[in-house]
């Protein structure tokens, strides 16, 4: 006997195209023109902060930095889709999400400067700390989702991972756990075409990354990641489904316009023509075209926005650079409570005065 026992497909969504045209059939009813203006301002803010951070790194004022330019649409759209009780679990390129969710800019900059105080998640802020190792944050996201399910507070978890991370065991284990336990988890794949210097085509033979959800028994969808409205709609719908016990995998198709990190030289492995082709799909450009077509935006508003955002960023950098470090934070920002063994190490460090000695 032979018969087909499984059949599924992946849907692709785009609400706003490269020219700012809207697919009215998919347009979320709750998204007003003022909401789109807000989306545009957040994307511009993320790009301005990104440019400042890159400048600071080149001046030696922050450490190695991972630019987000080109990915503002998927970060702002997904961040705005989160509910009050929802959590997000970042990798190392979610500064746009942190910004939208209200993280103090000076704390973001402080984290880039290498201080534990900047990397510590503020009390009451629904997120986990930045994770640099690839995909290791996803089991934590799945565990957090399981905890929220037990609490029954209606919260869900949005976990971020790059396309390279989908080749890791942590990714598959988290998907499998989410499907088996039906936890309120949405994993968002930032498919930006490159895992450092490895192109997506060399990572997997899968036609889409979203279809990897099928093996875990959950639904996968794909969306234009440079379409902020499309990302907002798809992620919001996915989170709603996750709260009902239907975890989901969302693949956002975007592009890393800059280097992987400031330790990387992308000209070694990709062509200028490829980058230029993606510039036409810029997430900010398409939204500005839409707003200008409806007389909701002009050069005066653009300049005023840029001036306001630049001042906020400069003020935050000044606060971060005036920070006086407290070496005890390296002990205090690890656990929710300090275990006895770590407290003993802290006391020994104080008695030895090791950081005072190192500062001399």
Protein backbone atom coordinates (compact mmCIF):
# COMPACT_ATOMS: atom_id res chain seq x y z
CA UNK A 1 0.00 0.00 0.00
CA UNK A 2 1.17 3.53 -0.76
CA UNK A 3 -0.59 6.76 0.19
CA UNK A 4 0.21 10.37 1.02
CA UNK A 5 0.15 10.90 4.77
CA UNK A 6 1.27 14.54 4.99
CA UNK A 7 0.76 17.62 2.89
CA UNK A 8 1.30 21.29 3.74
CA UNK A 9 2.37 24.59 2.23
CA UNK A 10 3.90 27.92 3.23
CA UNK A 11 2.04 31.19 2.70
CA UNK A 12 3.83 34.45 1.87
CA UNK A 13 2.50 37.86 2.96
CA UNK A 14 3.17 41.40 1.79
CA UNK A 15 0.90 44.35 2.66
CA UNK A 16 3.01 47.29 1.40
CA UNK A 17 5.22 46.85 -1.66
CA UNK A 18 8.42 48.67 -2.64
CA UNK A 19 6.44 51.57 -4.13
CA UNK A 20 4.30 52.15 -1.04
CA UNK A 21 1.22 50.52 -2.60
CA UNK A 22 -1.14 48.75 -0.17
CA UNK A 23 -2.87 45.40 -0.54
CA UNK A 24 -6.21 46.42 0.97
CA UNK A 25 -7.35 42.80 1.38
CA UNK A 26 -4.52 42.17 3.87
CA UNK A 27 -4.35 45.61 5.48
CA UNK A 28 -4.94 45.43 9.28
CA UNK A 29 -8.02 47.47 10.17
CA UNK A 30 -6.49 48.81 13.38
CA UNK A 31 -3.56 50.39 11.54
CA UNK A 32 -4.39 54.05 10.97
CA UNK A 33 -2.34 56.57 9.02
CA UNK A 34 -1.07 57.95 12.32
CA UNK A 35 0.05 54.44 13.26
CA UNK A 36 2.03 54.28 10.01
CA UNK A 37 3.62 57.64 10.83
CA UNK A 38 4.58 56.16 14.21
CA UNK A 39 6.09 53.13 12.48
CA UNK A 40 8.11 55.38 10.20
CA UNK A 41 9.43 57.43 13.11
CA UNK A 42 10.49 54.32 15.01
CA UNK A 43 12.29 52.92 11.96
CA UNK A 44 14.07 56.24 11.42
CA UNK A 45 15.00 56.33 15.11
CA UNK A 46 16.48 52.83 14.94
CA UNK A 47 18.48 53.79 11.84
CA UNK A 48 19.74 56.99 13.47
CA UNK A 49 20.83 55.10 16.58
CA UNK A 50 22.51 52.52 14.35
CA UNK A 51 24.48 55.20 12.49
CA UNK A 52 25.56 56.80 15.76
CA UNK A 53 26.67 53.45 17.18
CA UNK A 54 28.73 52.67 14.11
CA UNK A 55 30.42 56.07 14.40
CA UNK A 56 31.10 55.50 18.10
CA UNK A 57 32.65 52.11 17.38
CA UNK A 58 34.96 53.54 14.75
CA UNK A 59 36.09 56.12 17.32
CA UNK A 60 36.78 53.43 19.91
CA UNK A 61 33.97 54.62 22.19
CA UNK A 62 32.00 51.35 22.10
CA UNK A 63 33.04 47.75 21.48
CA UNK A 64 32.30 45.49 18.50
CA UNK A 65 28.88 46.38 17.09
CA UNK A 66 26.29 44.57 14.93
CA UNK A 67 24.53 47.07 12.60
CA UNK A 68 20.81 46.64 11.90
CA UNK A 69 20.48 48.97 8.89
CA UNK A 70 18.04 47.44 6.40
CA UNK A 71 16.22 45.41 9.06
CA UNK A 72 14.27 48.25 10.70
CA UNK A 73 10.96 47.13 9.18
CA UNK A 74 10.95 43.66 10.70
CA UNK A 75 12.17 44.89 14.07
CA UNK A 76 9.73 47.76 14.45
CA UNK A 77 6.80 45.80 13.01
CA UNK A 78 7.36 42.82 15.29
CA UNK A 79 8.00 44.97 18.37
CA UNK A 80 4.75 46.89 17.88
CA UNK A 81 2.88 43.59 17.58
CA UNK A 82 3.83 42.56 21.13
CA UNK A 83 1.18 42.83 23.83
CA UNK A 84 1.61 44.22 27.34
CA UNK A 85 2.18 40.79 28.93
CA UNK A 86 4.35 39.45 26.11
CA UNK A 87 8.11 38.92 26.27
CA UNK A 88 10.76 39.05 23.60
CA UNK A 89 14.01 37.09 23.55
CA UNK A 90 16.72 38.78 21.44
CA UNK A 91 19.92 37.70 19.79
CA UNK A 92 22.52 40.44 19.28
CA UNK A 93 20.88 42.67 16.65
CA UNK A 94 17.57 43.65 18.25
CA UNK A 95 18.37 47.20 19.31
CA UNK A 96 15.39 48.38 17.26
CA UNK A 97 13.11 46.12 19.31
CA UNK A 98 14.64 47.31 22.58
CA UNK A 99 14.12 50.90 21.45
CA UNK A 100 10.43 50.46 20.56
CA UNK A 101 9.73 48.55 23.78
CA UNK A 102 11.04 51.46 25.84
CA UNK A 103 14.56 50.46 26.89
CA UNK A 104 16.54 53.55 27.97
CA UNK A 105 18.89 54.52 25.16
CA UNK A 106 21.74 55.24 27.57
CA UNK A 107 21.45 51.66 28.89
CA UNK A 108 21.61 50.31 25.33
CA UNK A 109 24.77 52.32 24.68
CA UNK A 110 26.19 51.27 28.04
CA UNK A 111 25.79 47.64 27.02
CA UNK A 112 27.72 48.31 23.82
CA UNK A 113 30.45 49.85 25.98
CA UNK A 114 30.82 46.50 27.72
CA UNK A 115 29.31 47.22 31.12
CA UNK A 116 27.17 44.60 32.85
CA UNK A 117 24.84 47.36 34.02
CA UNK A 118 23.93 48.05 30.40
CA UNK A 119 23.31 44.40 29.59
CA UNK A 120 21.14 43.75 32.66
CA UNK A 121 17.42 43.75 31.88
CA UNK A 122 15.61 46.45 33.92
CA UNK A 123 13.08 45.17 36.44
CA UNK A 124 9.62 44.99 34.90
CA UNK A 125 10.98 45.04 31.34
CA UNK A 126 9.61 41.97 29.55
CA UNK A 127 12.71 40.67 27.81
CA UNK A 128 15.72 38.47 28.32
CA UNK A 129 19.26 39.73 27.98
CA UNK A 130 21.12 39.97 24.67
CA UNK A 131 22.51 36.60 23.55
CA UNK A 132 25.56 36.49 21.29
CA UNK A 133 26.06 32.69 20.89
CA UNK A 134 24.00 31.59 17.89
CA UNK A 135 20.50 30.23 18.71
CA UNK A 136 21.27 29.48 22.37
CA UNK A 137 18.53 31.93 23.39
CA UNK A 138 15.75 29.81 21.87
CA UNK A 139 15.60 27.07 24.53
CA UNK A 140 15.32 29.92 27.04
CA UNK A 141 12.49 31.40 24.99
CA UNK A 142 10.70 28.04 24.94
CA UNK A 143 11.16 27.66 28.69
CA UNK A 144 9.89 31.18 29.31
CA UNK A 145 6.83 30.44 27.16
CA UNK A 146 6.20 27.29 29.20
CA UNK A 147 6.35 29.37 32.40
CA UNK A 148 3.88 31.90 31.01
CA UNK A 149 1.55 29.06 30.06
CA UNK A 150 1.64 27.85 33.68
CA UNK A 151 0.93 31.35 34.97
CA UNK A 152 -2.06 31.73 32.63
CA UNK A 153 -1.60 35.50 32.34
CA UNK A 154 -2.23 35.59 28.60
CA UNK A 155 1.36 36.38 27.73
CA UNK A 156 3.32 34.99 24.79
CA UNK A 157 7.00 34.97 23.84
CA UNK A 158 8.61 36.23 20.64
CA UNK A 159 12.07 34.73 20.10
CA UNK A 160 14.45 36.09 17.45
CA UNK A 161 17.00 34.07 15.50
CA UNK A 162 18.99 34.64 12.31
CA UNK A 163 18.91 32.38 9.26
CA UNK A 164 22.25 30.90 10.34
CA UNK A 165 20.71 29.97 13.68
CA UNK A 166 18.20 27.67 11.99
CA UNK A 167 21.08 25.27 11.31
CA UNK A 168 21.70 24.86 15.04
CA UNK A 169 20.35 22.10 17.27
CA UNK A 170 18.98 24.65 19.75
CA UNK A 171 16.62 25.89 17.05
CA UNK A 172 15.15 22.45 16.32
CA UNK A 173 14.95 21.47 19.98
CA UNK A 174 13.03 24.65 20.80
CA UNK A 175 10.62 24.13 17.92
CA UNK A 176 10.03 20.54 18.93
CA UNK A 177 9.40 21.48 22.56
CA UNK A 178 7.01 24.26 21.53
CA UNK A 179 5.03 21.93 19.30
CA UNK A 180 4.90 19.07 21.78
CA UNK A 181 3.94 21.21 24.78
CA UNK A 182 1.90 23.77 22.82
CA UNK A 183 3.54 26.69 24.56
CA UNK A 184 2.77 30.31 23.60
CA UNK A 185 5.91 30.82 21.53
CA UNK A 186 6.55 32.50 18.19
CA UNK A 187 10.03 32.14 16.73
CA UNK A 188 10.92 34.86 14.23
CA UNK A 189 13.66 34.04 11.73
CA UNK A 190 15.47 37.13 10.48
CA UNK A 191 16.36 35.75 7.07
CA UNK A 192 18.81 38.46 6.01
CA UNK A 193 20.49 36.29 3.36
CA UNK A 194 23.87 35.93 5.08
CA UNK A 195 25.17 34.13 8.20
CA UNK A 196 28.33 36.23 8.44
CA UNK A 197 29.96 35.16 5.13
CA UNK A 198 27.87 32.05 4.47
CA UNK A 199 24.97 32.64 2.06
CA UNK A 200 21.59 31.18 2.85
CA UNK A 201 21.85 28.93 -0.24
CA UNK A 202 24.77 27.08 1.36
CA UNK A 203 23.10 26.61 4.74
CA UNK A 204 20.12 24.53 3.70
CA UNK A 205 18.43 22.86 0.74
CA UNK A 206 15.02 23.87 2.10
CA UNK A 207 13.10 26.12 -0.27
CA UNK A 208 11.99 28.22 2.70
CA UNK A 209 13.11 28.39 6.30
CA UNK A 210 9.49 28.63 7.41
CA UNK A 211 8.85 25.06 6.30
CA UNK A 212 11.13 23.82 9.06
CA UNK A 213 8.12 24.32 11.34
CA UNK A 214 6.38 21.33 9.78
CA UNK A 215 8.66 18.77 11.42
CA UNK A 216 7.64 20.16 14.81
CA UNK A 217 3.94 19.97 14.00
CA UNK A 218 3.43 23.72 14.01
CA UNK A 219 2.57 26.30 11.36
CA UNK A 220 5.18 28.31 9.47
CA UNK A 221 4.61 31.49 7.45
CA UNK A 222 6.77 33.84 5.42
CA UNK A 223 6.50 37.63 5.15
CA UNK A 224 8.30 40.46 3.38
CA UNK A 225 10.57 41.59 6.21
CA UNK A 226 11.03 45.05 4.72
CA UNK A 227 7.26 45.63 4.89
CA UNK A 228 6.71 46.97 8.40
CA UNK A 229 2.92 46.66 8.15
CA UNK A 230 3.11 43.12 6.82
CA UNK A 231 5.45 42.08 9.63
CA UNK A 232 3.19 43.74 12.19
CA UNK A 233 0.15 41.87 10.87
CA UNK A 234 1.79 38.45 10.58
CA UNK A 235 3.53 38.60 13.97
CA UNK A 236 0.43 39.94 15.74
CA UNK A 237 -1.68 37.14 14.26
CA UNK A 238 1.01 34.59 15.16
CA UNK A 239 1.13 35.79 18.77
CA UNK A 240 -2.66 35.57 18.98
CA UNK A 241 -2.47 31.98 17.77
CA UNK A 242 0.37 31.17 20.18
CA UNK A 243 -1.75 32.34 23.11
CA UNK A 244 -4.33 29.76 22.07
CA UNK A 245 -1.74 26.99 22.27
CA UNK A 246 -0.65 27.14 18.63
CA UNK A 247 3.04 28.10 18.52
CA UNK A 248 4.29 29.40 15.19
CA UNK A 249 7.40 30.02 13.11
CA UNK A 250 7.63 33.28 11.14
CA UNK A 251 10.31 33.82 8.49
CA UNK A 252 10.87 37.46 7.60
CA UNK A 253 12.68 38.06 4.30
CA UNK A 254 15.00 41.01 4.73
CA UNK A 255 18.59 41.99 4.02
CA UNK A 256 21.61 43.02 6.07
CA UNK A 257 22.68 46.19 4.28
CA UNK A 258 25.85 46.60 6.32
CA UNK A 259 28.44 44.27 7.83
CA UNK A 260 27.63 41.36 10.13
CA UNK A 261 29.56 43.17 12.86
CA UNK A 262 32.23 45.84 12.83
CA UNK A 263 34.79 43.02 12.84
CA UNK A 264 33.53 41.91 9.42
CA UNK A 265 34.22 43.07 5.85
CA UNK A 266 31.22 42.11 3.65
CA UNK A 267 32.98 43.23 0.44
CA UNK A 268 35.02 40.03 0.72
CA UNK A 269 32.04 37.78 0.07
CA UNK A 270 29.19 39.69 -1.60
CA UNK A 271 28.91 42.02 -4.55
CA UNK A 272 28.06 45.72 -4.58
CA UNK A 273 25.37 44.95 -7.18
CA UNK A 274 23.57 42.68 -4.72
CA UNK A 275 23.51 45.39 -2.07
CA UNK A 276 22.35 48.02 -4.57
CA UNK A 277 19.45 45.80 -5.68
CA UNK A 278 18.20 45.59 -2.09
CA UNK A 279 18.32 49.36 -1.62
CA UNK A 280 15.16 49.62 -3.71
CA UNK A 281 13.42 47.49 -1.06
CA UNK A 282 14.43 49.80 1.80
CA UNK A 283 11.77 49.57 4.55
CA UNK A 284 11.91 53.31 5.28
CA UNK A 285 11.77 54.37 1.65
CA UNK A 286 8.53 52.56 0.87
CA UNK A 287 6.74 53.94 3.94
CA UNK A 288 7.87 57.47 3.18
CA UNK A 289 6.53 57.09 -0.38
CA UNK A 290 3.16 56.10 1.07
CA UNK A 291 3.06 58.95 3.58
CA UNK A 292 4.06 61.54 0.99
CA UNK A 293 1.42 60.27 -1.43
CA UNK A 294 -1.20 61.02 1.26
CA UNK A 295 0.35 64.38 2.23
CA UNK A 296 1.20 63.05 5.68
CA UNK A 297 4.93 63.72 5.44
CA UNK A 298 7.28 66.31 3.98
CA UNK A 299 10.88 67.49 4.18
CA UNK A 300 10.13 69.86 7.07
CA UNK A 301 8.71 67.06 9.20
CA UNK A 302 11.62 64.85 8.21
CA UNK A 303 14.18 67.44 9.34
CA UNK A 304 12.36 68.08 12.61
CA UNK A 305 12.21 64.36 13.34
CA UNK A 306 15.90 63.90 12.60
CA UNK A 307 16.88 66.83 14.83
CA UNK A 308 14.75 65.54 17.73
CA UNK A 309 16.06 62.01 17.43
CA UNK A 310 19.67 63.12 17.11
CA UNK A 311 19.39 65.15 20.31
CA UNK A 312 17.88 62.24 22.24
CA UNK A 313 20.65 59.94 21.04
CA UNK A 314 23.44 62.44 21.79
CA UNK A 315 22.03 63.09 25.28
CA UNK A 316 21.87 59.33 25.95
CA UNK A 317 25.46 58.82 24.76
CA UNK A 318 26.60 61.58 27.12
CA UNK A 319 24.85 59.85 30.03
CA UNK A 320 26.39 56.49 29.10
CA UNK A 321 29.88 57.94 28.80
CA UNK A 322 29.61 59.62 32.23
CA UNK A 323 28.75 56.28 33.88
CA UNK A 324 30.88 55.32 36.88
CA UNK A 325 31.40 51.58 36.89
CA UNK A 326 30.74 49.36 39.87
CA UNK A 327 32.72 46.11 39.46
CA UNK A 328 30.38 44.26 41.85
CA UNK A 329 27.77 44.27 39.06
CA UNK A 330 29.62 41.40 37.38
CA UNK A 331 28.52 39.26 40.33
CA UNK A 332 25.07 40.74 40.90
CA UNK A 333 23.57 40.63 37.40
CA UNK A 334 23.82 36.88 36.84
CA UNK A 335 21.12 35.23 38.95
CA UNK A 336 17.78 36.42 40.33
CA UNK A 337 19.36 35.82 43.73
CA UNK A 338 23.05 35.46 44.46
CA UNK A 339 24.05 31.90 45.42
CA UNK A 340 26.35 31.47 48.38
CA UNK A 341 29.32 30.40 46.28
CA UNK A 342 29.12 33.55 44.17
CA UNK A 343 28.70 35.73 47.21
CA UNK A 344 31.87 34.17 48.64
CA UNK A 345 33.73 35.03 45.44
CA UNK A 346 32.45 38.60 45.64
CA UNK A 347 33.69 38.98 49.20
CA UNK A 348 37.07 37.54 48.25
CA UNK A 349 37.31 39.98 45.35
CA UNK A 350 36.51 42.90 47.64
CA UNK A 351 39.12 41.82 50.16
CA UNK A 352 41.73 41.38 47.44
CA UNK A 353 40.81 44.72 45.87
CA UNK A 354 41.47 43.22 42.46
CA UNK A 355 39.73 45.91 40.41
CA UNK A 356 41.38 48.72 42.35
CA UNK A 357 44.72 47.05 41.64
CA UNK A 358 43.85 46.66 37.97
CA UNK A 359 42.92 50.32 37.69
CA UNK A 360 46.31 51.54 38.87
